């Protein structure tokens, strides 16, 4: 019993000793200002930082008011839940805390977070490279919030044995085929499809009408002039500098080539002159097969037209046939009479 009374007395004494300090700690006057901490901080994107807000009265007594405060930031990609700030965009931002009509600010610097993805340039899907030519590739890293990550330790490799690549991403085509060039850093990787080919391969042609009504030939630029550049930019530049009046399909060989109109006119006149010489200047035409020469001459003329003319000269064969018929109808009757003699 004595022991119980002794222990109880010690407990009462202890409470009496601690109570004044406790009362002093929680006792404070009206809030004069608020302070946010940490004052300045640097964190990586997509990581968290807890903020603390302290109120101070006129006597310098301070106490925690974090749970009663409203926090905000000008970081456009950030997230704030209660007093926890999740960093977003790389840059220097302000975090503000508000209680009543009192506010406090702190500065926070966001740096890129851990590598989340890689983008390889150039990438024409596929990137076409002639044999024995080189192409410089570059890999750009991004964190989870699409902030660019600098100073990445990259490893380059080539699949399929179509070429070789240096530590800096310089690729050289050594074998014809289609495969991948891969860039990797830790567990993150990306690739670009590469097609290697001989320089003698036929280059396709695409047609596009320009504002003048003519036809523009858009050609793929020779690969040796495209190193280090995106293929689409090269093709667009070539389209601006390449114009022609010829019609075209999918290969250069199909372009329609023809004589000028005045050459066809001379050919028609020559056809008429030969018939006149045959009908009017040859005094005697022996035999009943005199018509074979005009027919053969007309057939040869028409064959030449269909072999070497385009659609815009369709008037030529009709004129040729009509001229031949008229020359035959109005040939000298003396020639016809001489056949019967």
C-alpha atoms as a PDB file:
ATOM      1  CA  UNK A   1       0.000   0.000   0.000  1.00  0.00           C
ATOM      2  CA  UNK A   2       2.817   2.342   0.860  1.00  0.00           C
ATOM      3  CA  UNK A   3       4.428   1.594  -2.496  1.00  0.00           C
ATOM      4  CA  UNK A   4       1.225   2.461  -4.352  1.00  0.00           C
ATOM      5  CA  UNK A   5       0.902   5.754  -2.527  1.00  0.00           C
ATOM      6  CA  UNK A   6       4.539   6.530  -3.234  1.00  0.00           C
ATOM      7  CA  UNK A   7       4.172   5.877  -6.956  1.00  0.00           C
ATOM      8  CA  UNK A   8       0.994   7.945  -7.091  1.00  0.00           C
ATOM      9  CA  UNK A   9       2.686  10.855  -5.413  1.00  0.00           C
ATOM     10  CA  UNK A  10       5.582  10.741  -7.874  1.00  0.00           C
ATOM     11  CA  UNK A  11       3.157  10.770 -10.817  1.00  0.00           C
ATOM     12  CA  UNK A  12       1.329  13.826  -9.469  1.00  0.00           C
ATOM     13  CA  UNK A  13       4.601  15.658  -8.989  1.00  0.00           C
ATOM     14  CA  UNK A  14       5.672  14.826 -12.522  1.00  0.00           C
ATOM     15  CA  UNK A  15       2.394  16.163 -13.979  1.00  0.00           C
ATOM     16  CA  UNK A  16       2.728  19.366 -11.987  1.00  0.00           C
ATOM     17  CA  UNK A  17       6.213  19.861 -13.329  1.00  0.00           C
ATOM     18  CA  UNK A  18       5.317  19.239 -17.045  1.00  0.00           C
ATOM     19  CA  UNK A  19       1.941  20.999 -17.170  1.00  0.00           C
ATOM     20  CA  UNK A  20       3.256  24.597 -17.109  1.00  0.00           C
ATOM     21  CA  UNK A  21       5.504  23.918 -20.111  1.00  0.00           C
ATOM     22  CA  UNK A  22       2.635  22.289 -22.000  1.00  0.00           C
ATOM     23  CA  UNK A  23       0.342  25.214 -21.352  1.00  0.00           C
ATOM     24  CA  UNK A  24       3.037  27.625 -22.449  1.00  0.00           C
ATOM     25  CA  UNK A  25       3.629  25.634 -25.672  1.00  0.00           C
ATOM     26  CA  UNK A  26       0.021  25.686 -26.835  1.00  0.00           C
ATOM     27  CA  UNK A  27      -0.802  29.136 -25.651  1.00  0.00           C
ATOM     28  CA  UNK A  28      -0.382  31.824 -28.295  1.00  0.00           C
ATOM     29  CA  UNK A  29      -1.808  35.149 -29.356  1.00  0.00           C
ATOM     30  CA  UNK A  30      -3.393  36.221 -32.674  1.00  0.00           C
ATOM     31  CA  UNK A  31      -1.524  35.119 -35.821  1.00  0.00           C
ATOM     32  CA  UNK A  32       0.798  37.827 -37.117  1.00  0.00           C
ATOM     33  CA  UNK A  33       2.474  35.988 -40.027  1.00  0.00           C
ATOM     34  CA  UNK A  34       2.913  32.566 -41.577  1.00  0.00           C
ATOM     35  CA  UNK A  35       6.048  30.847 -42.830  1.00  0.00           C
ATOM     36  CA  UNK A  36       6.343  27.990 -45.342  1.00  0.00           C
ATOM     37  CA  UNK A  37       9.181  25.501 -45.342  1.00  0.00           C
ATOM     38  CA  UNK A  38      11.408  24.393 -46.866  1.00  0.00           C
ATOM     39  CA  UNK A  39      12.339  27.883 -48.084  1.00  0.00           C
ATOM     40  CA  UNK A  40      13.957  26.658 -51.320  1.00  0.00           C
ATOM     41  CA  UNK A  41      14.218  23.142 -52.661  1.00  0.00           C
ATOM     42  CA  UNK A  42      15.359  21.315 -55.810  1.00  0.00           C
ATOM     43  CA  UNK A  43      13.625  18.078 -56.767  1.00  0.00           C
ATOM     44  CA  UNK A  44      13.297  15.862 -59.826  1.00  0.00           C
ATOM     45  CA  UNK A  45      10.179  15.829 -61.972  1.00  0.00           C
ATOM     46  CA  UNK A  46       7.489  13.404 -60.826  1.00  0.00           C
ATOM     47  CA  UNK A  47       8.888  13.238 -57.264  1.00  0.00           C
ATOM     48  CA  UNK A  48       7.130  14.532 -54.130  1.00  0.00           C
ATOM     49  CA  UNK A  49       7.898  17.213 -51.553  1.00  0.00           C
ATOM     50  CA  UNK A  50       5.877  17.741 -48.365  1.00  0.00           C
ATOM     51  CA  UNK A  51       5.415  21.390 -47.352  1.00  0.00           C
ATOM     52  CA  UNK A  52       4.997  22.667 -43.790  1.00  0.00           C
ATOM     53  CA  UNK A  53       3.271  25.911 -42.781  1.00  0.00           C
ATOM     54  CA  UNK A  54       3.959  27.603 -39.431  1.00  0.00           C
ATOM     55  CA  UNK A  55       2.015  30.503 -37.874  1.00  0.00           C
ATOM     56  CA  UNK A  56       3.747  33.129 -35.660  1.00  0.00           C
ATOM     57  CA  UNK A  57       2.109  35.542 -33.197  1.00  0.00           C
ATOM     58  CA  UNK A  58       3.364  38.949 -32.008  1.00  0.00           C
ATOM     59  CA  UNK A  59       5.311  37.322 -29.164  1.00  0.00           C
ATOM     60  CA  UNK A  60       7.227  35.083 -31.542  1.00  0.00           C
ATOM     61  CA  UNK A  61       5.311  31.989 -30.518  1.00  0.00           C
ATOM     62  CA  UNK A  62       4.921  29.596 -33.465  1.00  0.00           C
ATOM     63  CA  UNK A  63       2.715  26.608 -34.128  1.00  0.00           C
ATOM     64  CA  UNK A  64       1.934  24.229 -37.032  1.00  0.00           C
ATOM     65  CA  UNK A  65      -1.022  25.206 -39.226  1.00  0.00           C
ATOM     66  CA  UNK A  66      -0.224  22.976 -42.210  1.00  0.00           C
ATOM     67  CA  UNK A  67      -3.516  21.107 -42.229  1.00  0.00           C
ATOM     68  CA  UNK A  68      -5.518  24.340 -42.225  1.00  0.00           C
ATOM     69  CA  UNK A  69      -3.670  25.926 -45.199  1.00  0.00           C
ATOM     70  CA  UNK A  70      -4.455  25.953 -48.936  1.00  0.00           C
ATOM     71  CA  UNK A  71      -1.460  25.283 -51.212  1.00  0.00           C
ATOM     72  CA  UNK A  72      -1.105  26.219 -54.907  1.00  0.00           C
ATOM     73  CA  UNK A  73       1.658  26.458 -57.566  1.00  0.00           C
ATOM     74  CA  UNK A  74       2.317  27.960 -60.997  1.00  0.00           C
ATOM     75  CA  UNK A  75       3.909  24.710 -62.224  1.00  0.00           C
ATOM     76  CA  UNK A  76       1.485  23.784 -65.094  1.00  0.00           C
ATOM     77  CA  UNK A  77       2.147  20.039 -64.815  1.00  0.00           C
ATOM     78  CA  UNK A  78       2.342  19.777 -61.030  1.00  0.00           C
ATOM     79  CA  UNK A  79      -0.085  18.138 -58.626  1.00  0.00           C
ATOM     80  CA  UNK A  80      -0.754  19.311 -55.058  1.00  0.00           C
ATOM     81  CA  UNK A  81      -2.776  17.159 -52.668  1.00  0.00           C
ATOM     82  CA  UNK A  82      -3.140  18.664 -49.201  1.00  0.00           C
ATOM     83  CA  UNK A  83       0.426  19.781 -48.460  1.00  0.00           C
ATOM     84  CA  UNK A  84       2.246  17.332 -50.811  1.00  0.00           C
ATOM     85  CA  UNK A  85       3.641  18.797 -54.058  1.00  0.00           C
ATOM     86  CA  UNK A  86       4.359  16.412 -57.001  1.00  0.00           C
ATOM     87  CA  UNK A  87       6.775  18.093 -59.434  1.00  0.00           C
ATOM     88  CA  UNK A  88       5.835  18.389 -63.117  1.00  0.00           C
ATOM     89  CA  UNK A  89       7.533  20.629 -65.675  1.00  0.00           C
ATOM     90  CA  UNK A  90      11.232  21.427 -65.537  1.00  0.00           C
ATOM     91  CA  UNK A  91      11.867  24.996 -64.367  1.00  0.00           C
ATOM     92  CA  UNK A  92      11.703  27.293 -61.354  1.00  0.00           C
ATOM     93  CA  UNK A  93       8.266  27.648 -59.784  1.00  0.00           C
ATOM     94  CA  UNK A  94       6.513  29.228 -56.814  1.00  0.00           C
ATOM     95  CA  UNK A  95       4.488  27.344 -54.184  1.00  0.00           C
ATOM     96  CA  UNK A  96       2.048  29.509 -52.255  1.00  0.00           C
ATOM     97  CA  UNK A  97       0.225  28.841 -48.968  1.00  0.00           C
ATOM     98  CA  UNK A  98      -2.854  30.750 -47.812  1.00  0.00           C
ATOM     99  CA  UNK A  99      -4.632  31.058 -44.467  1.00  0.00           C
ATOM    100  CA  UNK A 100      -7.276  33.728 -44.203  1.00  0.00           C
ATOM    101  CA  UNK A 101      -5.727  36.926 -45.523  1.00  0.00           C
ATOM    102  CA  UNK A 102      -2.159  35.751 -44.824  1.00  0.00           C
ATOM    103  CA  UNK A 103       0.027  34.098 -47.465  1.00  0.00           C
ATOM    104  CA  UNK A 104       3.558  32.760 -47.803  1.00  0.00           C
ATOM    105  CA  UNK A 105       5.643  31.664 -50.810  1.00  0.00           C
ATOM    106  CA  UNK A 106       8.580  29.382 -51.401  1.00  0.00           C
ATOM    107  CA  UNK A 107      10.703  28.756 -54.505  1.00  0.00           C
ATOM    108  CA  UNK A 108      11.094  25.242 -55.896  1.00  0.00           C
ATOM    109  CA  UNK A 109      13.346  24.160 -58.765  1.00  0.00           C
ATOM    110  CA  UNK A 110      12.354  21.131 -60.842  1.00  0.00           C
ATOM    111  CA  UNK A 111      14.988  19.180 -62.760  1.00  0.00           C
ATOM    112  CA  UNK A 112      14.386  16.302 -65.235  1.00  0.00           C
ATOM    113  CA  UNK A 113      13.346  13.029 -63.707  1.00  0.00           C
ATOM    114  CA  UNK A 114      14.501   9.524 -64.536  1.00  0.00           C
ATOM    115  CA  UNK A 115      14.586   8.376 -68.159  1.00  0.00           C
ATOM    116  CA  UNK A 116      11.202   7.073 -69.323  1.00  0.00           C
ATOM    117  CA  UNK A 117      11.422   7.006 -73.159  1.00  0.00           C
ATOM    118  CA  UNK A 118      13.790   7.480 -76.114  1.00  0.00           C
ATOM    119  CA  UNK A 119      13.132   9.057 -79.521  1.00  0.00           C
ATOM    120  CA  UNK A 120      15.537   8.381 -82.417  1.00  0.00           C
ATOM    121  CA  UNK A 121      16.113  10.863 -85.251  1.00  0.00           C
ATOM    122  CA  UNK A 122      16.036  10.724 -88.207  1.00  0.00           C
ATOM    123  CA  UNK A 123      13.228   8.205 -88.601  1.00  0.00           C
ATOM    124  CA  UNK A 124      11.407   7.963 -91.958  1.00  0.00           C
ATOM    125  CA  UNK A 125       9.953   4.508 -91.228  1.00  0.00           C
ATOM    126  CA  UNK A 126      11.933   3.068 -92.857  1.00  0.00           C
ATOM    127  CA  UNK A 127      15.109   5.116 -93.047  1.00  0.00           C
ATOM    128  CA  UNK A 128      16.582   4.280 -96.493  1.00  0.00           C
ATOM    129  CA  UNK A 129      20.374   4.174 -96.731  1.00  0.00           C
ATOM    130  CA  UNK A 130      22.442   3.139 -99.800  1.00  0.00           C
ATOM    131  CA  UNK A 131      25.111   0.508 -99.361  1.00  0.00           C
ATOM    132  CA  UNK A 132      28.502   1.799 -98.175  1.00  0.00           C
ATOM    133  CA  UNK A 133      26.884   5.105 -97.098  1.00  0.00           C
ATOM    134  CA  UNK A 134      26.546   6.438 -93.550  1.00  0.00           C
ATOM    135  CA  UNK A 135      23.771   8.024 -91.504  1.00  0.00           C
ATOM    136  CA  UNK A 136      24.147   9.855 -88.185  1.00  0.00           C
ATOM    137  CA  UNK A 137      21.441   8.883 -85.684  1.00  0.00           C
ATOM    138  CA  UNK A 138      20.589  10.741 -82.479  1.00  0.00           C
ATOM    139  CA  UNK A 139      18.581   9.506 -79.495  1.00  0.00           C
ATOM    140  CA  UNK A 140      16.738  12.032 -77.288  1.00  0.00           C
ATOM    141  CA  UNK A 141      15.544  10.990 -73.833  1.00  0.00           C
ATOM    142  CA  UNK A 142      12.422  12.117 -71.966  1.00  0.00           C
ATOM    143  CA  UNK A 143      11.146  11.586 -68.440  1.00  0.00           C
ATOM    144  CA  UNK A 144       7.582  10.654 -67.463  1.00  0.00           C
ATOM    145  CA  UNK A 145       6.399  14.253 -67.907  1.00  0.00           C
ATOM    146  CA  UNK A 146       8.091  14.637 -71.340  1.00  0.00           C
ATOM    147  CA  UNK A 147      10.939  16.741 -69.971  1.00  0.00           C
ATOM    148  CA  UNK A 148      14.135  16.291 -71.972  1.00  0.00           C
ATOM    149  CA  UNK A 149      16.765  14.264 -70.122  1.00  0.00           C
ATOM    150  CA  UNK A 150      20.355  15.270 -70.800  1.00  0.00           C
ATOM    151  CA  UNK A 151      23.634  13.309 -70.658  1.00  0.00           C
ATOM    152  CA  UNK A 152      22.181   9.873 -71.316  1.00  0.00           C
ATOM    153  CA  UNK A 153      24.545   6.913 -71.363  1.00  0.00           C
ATOM    154  CA  UNK A 154      23.483   5.254 -74.649  1.00  0.00           C
ATOM    155  CA  UNK A 155      24.302   1.898 -76.183  1.00  0.00           C
ATOM    156  CA  UNK A 156      23.825   1.547 -79.971  1.00  0.00           C
ATOM    157  CA  UNK A 157      23.331  -1.750 -81.803  1.00  0.00           C
ATOM    158  CA  UNK A 158      22.266  -3.069 -85.233  1.00  0.00           C
ATOM    159  CA  UNK A 159      20.056  -6.102 -85.776  1.00  0.00           C
ATOM    160  CA  UNK A 160      20.164  -8.370 -88.816  1.00  0.00           C
ATOM    161  CA  UNK A 161      23.794  -7.724 -89.732  1.00  0.00           C
ATOM    162  CA  UNK A 162      22.891  -5.051 -92.321  1.00  0.00           C
ATOM    163  CA  UNK A 163      25.524  -2.623 -91.076  1.00  0.00           C
ATOM    164  CA  UNK A 164      27.650  -1.385 -88.215  1.00  0.00           C
ATOM    165  CA  UNK A 165      27.226   1.540 -85.824  1.00  0.00           C
ATOM    166  CA  UNK A 166      29.618   3.524 -83.641  1.00  0.00           C
ATOM    167  CA  UNK A 167      29.245   4.542 -79.994  1.00  0.00           C
ATOM    168  CA  UNK A 168      28.035   7.949 -81.153  1.00  0.00           C
ATOM    169  CA  UNK A 169      25.278   6.577 -83.439  1.00  0.00           C
ATOM    170  CA  UNK A 170      27.042   6.764 -86.830  1.00  0.00           C
ATOM    171  CA  UNK A 171      25.618   3.927 -88.936  1.00  0.00           C
ATOM    172  CA  UNK A 172      27.251   2.473 -92.067  1.00  0.00           C
ATOM    173  CA  UNK A 173      25.309   0.197 -94.440  1.00  0.00           C
ATOM    174  CA  UNK A 174      27.283  -2.923 -95.350  1.00  0.00           C
ATOM    175  CA  UNK A 175      24.635  -5.433 -96.438  1.00  0.00           C
ATOM    176  CA  UNK A 176      21.369  -5.121 -98.353  1.00  0.00           C
ATOM    177  CA  UNK A 177      18.234  -5.761 -96.284  1.00  0.00           C
ATOM    178  CA  UNK A 178      15.704  -4.421 -93.778  1.00  0.00           C
ATOM    179  CA  UNK A 179      16.307  -4.428 -90.015  1.00  0.00           C
ATOM    180  CA  UNK A 180      16.570  -2.195 -86.921  1.00  0.00           C
ATOM    181  CA  UNK A 181      18.983   0.259 -85.358  1.00  0.00           C
ATOM    182  CA  UNK A 182      18.477   0.181 -81.578  1.00  0.00           C
ATOM    183  CA  UNK A 183      19.377   2.743 -78.903  1.00  0.00           C
ATOM    184  CA  UNK A 184      19.220   1.653 -75.254  1.00  0.00           C
ATOM    185  CA  UNK A 185      19.921   3.109 -71.820  1.00  0.00           C
ATOM    186  CA  UNK A 186      19.468   0.850 -68.784  1.00  0.00           C
ATOM    187  CA  UNK A 187      16.044  -0.767 -69.296  1.00  0.00           C
ATOM    188  CA  UNK A 188      14.762   1.861 -71.767  1.00  0.00           C
ATOM    189  CA  UNK A 189      15.186   1.298 -75.517  1.00  0.00           C
ATOM    190  CA  UNK A 190      13.893   2.482 -78.875  1.00  0.00           C
ATOM    191  CA  UNK A 191      14.535   1.556 -82.500  1.00  0.00           C
ATOM    192  CA  UNK A 192      14.323   2.864 -86.051  1.00  0.00           C
ATOM    193  CA  UNK A 193      13.620   0.623 -89.059  1.00  0.00           C
ATOM    194  CA  UNK A 194      16.440   0.811 -91.615  1.00  0.00           C
ATOM    195  CA  UNK A 195      16.381  -0.344 -95.247  1.00  0.00           C
ATOM    196  CA  UNK A 196      19.734  -0.683 -96.979  1.00  0.00           C
ATOM    197  CA  UNK A 197      19.804  -0.990-100.759  1.00  0.00           C
ATOM    198  CA  UNK A 198      21.938  -0.641-103.846  1.00  0.00           C
ATOM    199  CA  UNK A 199      22.186   2.840-105.332  1.00  0.00           C
ATOM    200  CA  UNK A 200      21.004   1.508-108.736  1.00  0.00           C
ATOM    201  CA  UNK A 201      17.537   0.652-107.387  1.00  0.00           C
ATOM    202  CA  UNK A 202      14.731   2.377-109.361  1.00  0.00           C
ATOM    203  CA  UNK A 203      13.456   5.475-107.589  1.00  0.00           C
ATOM    204  CA  UNK A 204       9.637   5.759-107.637  1.00  0.00           C
ATOM    205  CA  UNK A 205       7.926   8.888-108.877  1.00  0.00           C
ATOM    206  CA  UNK A 206       4.858  10.559-107.372  1.00  0.00           C
ATOM    207  CA  UNK A 207       2.796  13.035-109.351  1.00  0.00           C
ATOM    208  CA  UNK A 208       1.291  16.200-107.951  1.00  0.00           C
ATOM    209  CA  UNK A 209      -0.568  18.975-109.800  1.00  0.00           C
ATOM    210  CA  UNK A 210       0.744  22.490-109.251  1.00  0.00           C
ATOM    211  CA  UNK A 211      -1.141  25.762-109.538  1.00  0.00           C
ATOM    212  CA  UNK A 212      -0.096  26.333-113.172  1.00  0.00           C
ATOM    213  CA  UNK A 213      -1.841  23.166-114.364  1.00  0.00           C
ATOM    214  CA  UNK A 214       1.448  21.450-115.161  1.00  0.00           C
ATOM    215  CA  UNK A 215       2.659  18.259-113.531  1.00  0.00           C
ATOM    216  CA  UNK A 216       5.276  18.259-110.811  1.00  0.00           C
ATOM    217  CA  UNK A 217       7.556  15.272-110.365  1.00  0.00           C
ATOM    218  CA  UNK A 218       8.323  14.601-106.699  1.00  0.00           C
ATOM    219  CA  UNK A 219      11.374  12.397-106.531  1.00  0.00           C
ATOM    220  CA  UNK A 220      13.173  10.798-103.648  1.00  0.00           C
ATOM    221  CA  UNK A 221      16.509  12.589-103.280  1.00  0.00           C
ATOM    222  CA  UNK A 222      19.645  10.434-103.745  1.00  0.00           C
ATOM    223  CA  UNK A 223      20.527   9.016-100.370  1.00  0.00           C
ATOM    224  CA  UNK A 224      24.064  10.397-100.346  1.00  0.00           C
ATOM    225  CA  UNK A 225      22.628  13.915-100.094  1.00  0.00           C
ATOM    226  CA  UNK A 226      20.286  13.099 -97.190  1.00  0.00           C
ATOM    227  CA  UNK A 227      22.737  12.268 -94.393  1.00  0.00           C
ATOM    228  CA  UNK A 228      21.701  13.620 -91.035  1.00  0.00           C
ATOM    229  CA  UNK A 229      18.402  15.033 -92.326  1.00  0.00           C
ATOM    230  CA  UNK A 230      14.809  13.910 -92.183  1.00  0.00           C
ATOM    231  CA  UNK A 231      13.758  12.358 -95.475  1.00  0.00           C
ATOM    232  CA  UNK A 232      10.460  14.233 -95.650  1.00  0.00           C
ATOM    233  CA  UNK A 233      12.204  17.618 -95.638  1.00  0.00           C
ATOM    234  CA  UNK A 234      14.474  16.563 -98.540  1.00  0.00           C
ATOM    235  CA  UNK A 235      11.532  15.365-100.650  1.00  0.00           C
ATOM    236  CA  UNK A 236       9.620  18.593-100.069  1.00  0.00           C
ATOM    237  CA  UNK A 237      12.651  20.672-101.114  1.00  0.00           C
ATOM    238  CA  UNK A 238      13.064  18.621-104.282  1.00  0.00           C
ATOM    239  CA  UNK A 239       9.406  19.130-105.178  1.00  0.00           C
ATOM    240  CA  UNK A 240       9.807  22.916-105.179  1.00  0.00           C
ATOM    241  CA  UNK A 241      12.764  22.798-107.602  1.00  0.00           C
ATOM    242  CA  UNK A 242      11.552  20.100-110.038  1.00  0.00           C
ATOM    243  CA  UNK A 243       8.883  20.982-112.666  1.00  0.00           C
ATOM    244  CA  UNK A 244       8.126  19.438-116.066  1.00  0.00           C
ATOM    245  CA  UNK A 245       5.446  19.558-118.765  1.00  0.00           C
ATOM    246  CA  UNK A 246       5.514  15.793-119.338  1.00  0.00           C
ATOM    247  CA  UNK A 247       2.871  13.327-118.225  1.00  0.00           C
ATOM    248  CA  UNK A 248       4.156  10.526-116.017  1.00  0.00           C
ATOM    249  CA  UNK A 249       3.163   7.319-114.249  1.00  0.00           C
ATOM    250  CA  UNK A 250       5.178   5.404-111.676  1.00  0.00           C
ATOM    251  CA  UNK A 251       8.515   5.156-113.518  1.00  0.00           C
ATOM    252  CA  UNK A 252      10.760   7.495-115.485  1.00  0.00           C
ATOM    253  CA  UNK A 253      10.631   5.249-118.528  1.00  0.00           C
ATOM    254  CA  UNK A 254       6.872   5.805-118.946  1.00  0.00           C
ATOM    255  CA  UNK A 255       7.216   9.532-119.696  1.00  0.00           C
ATOM    256  CA  UNK A 256       5.518  10.414-123.027  1.00  0.00           C
ATOM    257  CA  UNK A 257       8.048  11.916-125.429  1.00  0.00           C
ATOM    258  CA  UNK A 258       6.967  13.179-128.877  1.00  0.00           C
ATOM    259  CA  UNK A 259       7.979  15.468-131.741  1.00  0.00           C
ATOM    260  CA  UNK A 260       7.024  19.118-131.860  1.00  0.00           C
ATOM    261  CA  UNK A 261       3.851  19.959-133.793  1.00  0.00           C
ATOM    262  CA  UNK A 262       5.744  21.483-136.707  1.00  0.00           C
ATOM    263  CA  UNK A 263       7.687  18.248-137.249  1.00  0.00           C
ATOM    264  CA  UNK A 264       4.435  16.337-137.589  1.00  0.00           C
ATOM    265  CA  UNK A 265       3.253  18.975-140.087  1.00  0.00           C
ATOM    266  CA  UNK A 266       6.417  18.533-142.165  1.00  0.00           C
ATOM    267  CA  UNK A 267       5.930  14.755-142.113  1.00  0.00           C
ATOM    268  CA  UNK A 268       2.373  15.172-143.425  1.00  0.00           C
ATOM    269  CA  UNK A 269       3.561  17.514-146.189  1.00  0.00           C
ATOM    270  CA  UNK A 270       6.296  15.012-147.105  1.00  0.00           C
ATOM    271  CA  UNK A 271       3.665  12.266-147.299  1.00  0.00           C
ATOM    272  CA  UNK A 272       1.602  14.396-149.697  1.00  0.00           C
ATOM    273  CA  UNK A 273       4.640  15.290-151.842  1.00  0.00           C
ATOM    274  CA  UNK A 274       5.571  11.612-152.262  1.00  0.00           C
ATOM    275  CA  UNK A 275       2.030  10.773-153.395  1.00  0.00           C
ATOM    276  CA  UNK A 276       2.044  13.673-155.857  1.00  0.00           C
ATOM    277  CA  UNK A 277       5.363  12.512-157.290  1.00  0.00           C
ATOM    278  CA  UNK A 278       3.986   8.976-157.582  1.00  0.00           C
ATOM    279  CA  UNK A 279       0.691   9.942-159.189  1.00  0.00           C
ATOM    280  CA  UNK A 280       1.626  12.980-161.296  1.00  0.00           C
ATOM    281  CA  UNK A 281       5.246  12.621-162.277  1.00  0.00           C
ATOM    282  CA  UNK A 282       5.475   8.900-162.939  1.00  0.00           C
ATOM    283  CA  UNK A 283       4.098   8.725-166.476  1.00  0.00           C
ATOM    284  CA  UNK A 284       3.606   5.009-166.676  1.00  0.00           C
ATOM    285  CA  UNK A 285       2.426   2.681-163.916  1.00  0.00           C
ATOM    286  CA  UNK A 286       2.624  -0.846-165.144  1.00  0.00           C
ATOM    287  CA  UNK A 287       0.367  -3.601-163.899  1.00  0.00           C
ATOM    288  CA  UNK A 288      -2.838  -3.644-161.905  1.00  0.00           C
ATOM    289  CA  UNK A 289      -1.119  -3.368-158.507  1.00  0.00           C
ATOM    290  CA  UNK A 290      -0.444   0.359-158.668  1.00  0.00           C
ATOM    291  CA  UNK A 291      -2.436   0.929-155.412  1.00  0.00           C
ATOM    292  CA  UNK A 292      -0.024  -1.165-153.275  1.00  0.00           C
ATOM    293  CA  UNK A 293       2.554   1.656-152.907  1.00  0.00           C
ATOM    294  CA  UNK A 294       0.040   4.286-151.636  1.00  0.00           C
ATOM    295  CA  UNK A 295      -1.390   1.766-149.157  1.00  0.00           C
ATOM    296  CA  UNK A 296       2.064   0.799-147.851  1.00  0.00           C
ATOM    297  CA  UNK A 297       3.097   4.463-147.586  1.00  0.00           C
ATOM    298  CA  UNK A 298      -0.068   5.305-145.632  1.00  0.00           C
ATOM    299  CA  UNK A 299       0.350   2.262-143.356  1.00  0.00           C
ATOM    300  CA  UNK A 300       3.983   3.172-142.626  1.00  0.00           C
ATOM    301  CA  UNK A 301       2.975   6.760-141.820  1.00  0.00           C
ATOM    302  CA  UNK A 302       0.229   5.633-139.427  1.00  0.00           C
ATOM    303  CA  UNK A 303       2.568   3.137-137.702  1.00  0.00           C
ATOM    304  CA  UNK A 304       5.135   5.869-137.141  1.00  0.00           C
ATOM    305  CA  UNK A 305       2.459   8.093-135.627  1.00  0.00           C
ATOM    306  CA  UNK A 306       1.172   5.492-133.156  1.00  0.00           C
ATOM    307  CA  UNK A 307       4.727   4.570-132.168  1.00  0.00           C
ATOM    308  CA  UNK A 308       6.088   8.083-131.543  1.00  0.00           C
ATOM    309  CA  UNK A 309       3.149  10.449-130.920  1.00  0.00           C
ATOM    310  CA  UNK A 310       1.153  11.407-127.820  1.00  0.00           C
ATOM    311  CA  UNK A 311      -2.593  11.880-127.482  1.00  0.00           C
ATOM    312  CA  UNK A 312      -2.544  15.585-128.289  1.00  0.00           C
ATOM    313  CA  UNK A 313      -1.742  14.889-132.018  1.00  0.00           C
ATOM    314  CA  UNK A 314      -4.751  12.684-132.803  1.00  0.00           C
ATOM    315  CA  UNK A 315      -5.590  14.907-135.782  1.00  0.00           C
ATOM    316  CA  UNK A 316      -2.516  13.714-137.698  1.00  0.00           C
ATOM    317  CA  UNK A 317      -3.651  10.195-138.834  1.00  0.00           C
ATOM    318  CA  UNK A 318      -7.057  11.451-139.975  1.00  0.00           C
ATOM    319  CA  UNK A 319      -5.510  14.201-142.059  1.00  0.00           C
ATOM    320  CA  UNK A 320      -3.016  11.712-143.499  1.00  0.00           C
ATOM    321  CA  UNK A 321      -5.725   9.250-144.565  1.00  0.00           C
ATOM    322  CA  UNK A 322      -7.933  12.006-146.066  1.00  0.00           C
ATOM    323  CA  UNK A 323      -4.968  13.451-148.008  1.00  0.00           C
ATOM    324  CA  UNK A 324      -4.136   9.990-149.332  1.00  0.00           C
ATOM    325  CA  UNK A 325      -7.750   9.387-150.451  1.00  0.00           C
ATOM    326  CA  UNK A 326      -8.007  12.787-152.160  1.00  0.00           C
ATOM    327  CA  UNK A 327      -4.674  12.306-153.937  1.00  0.00           C
ATOM    328  CA  UNK A 328      -5.841   8.916-155.182  1.00  0.00           C
ATOM    329  CA  UNK A 329      -9.233  10.170-156.392  1.00  0.00           C
ATOM    330  CA  UNK A 330      -7.768  13.123-158.275  1.00  0.00           C
ATOM    331  CA  UNK A 331      -4.730  11.389-159.740  1.00  0.00           C
ATOM    332  CA  UNK A 332      -4.259  11.972-163.501  1.00  0.00           C
ATOM    333  CA  UNK A 333      -6.499   9.742-165.606  1.00  0.00           C
ATOM    334  CA  UNK A 334      -3.644   9.431-168.064  1.00  0.00           C
ATOM    335  CA  UNK A 335      -1.874   7.291-165.491  1.00  0.00           C
ATOM    336  CA  UNK A 336      -4.908   5.077-165.202  1.00  0.00           C
ATOM    337  CA  UNK A 337      -5.198   4.935-169.028  1.00  0.00           C
ATOM    338  CA  UNK A 338      -1.571   3.991-169.370  1.00  0.00           C
ATOM    339  CA  UNK A 339      -2.214   0.963-167.181  1.00  0.00           C
ATOM    340  CA  UNK A 340      -4.705  -0.454-169.697  1.00  0.00           C
ATOM    341  CA  UNK A 341      -2.457   0.034-172.682  1.00  0.00           C
END
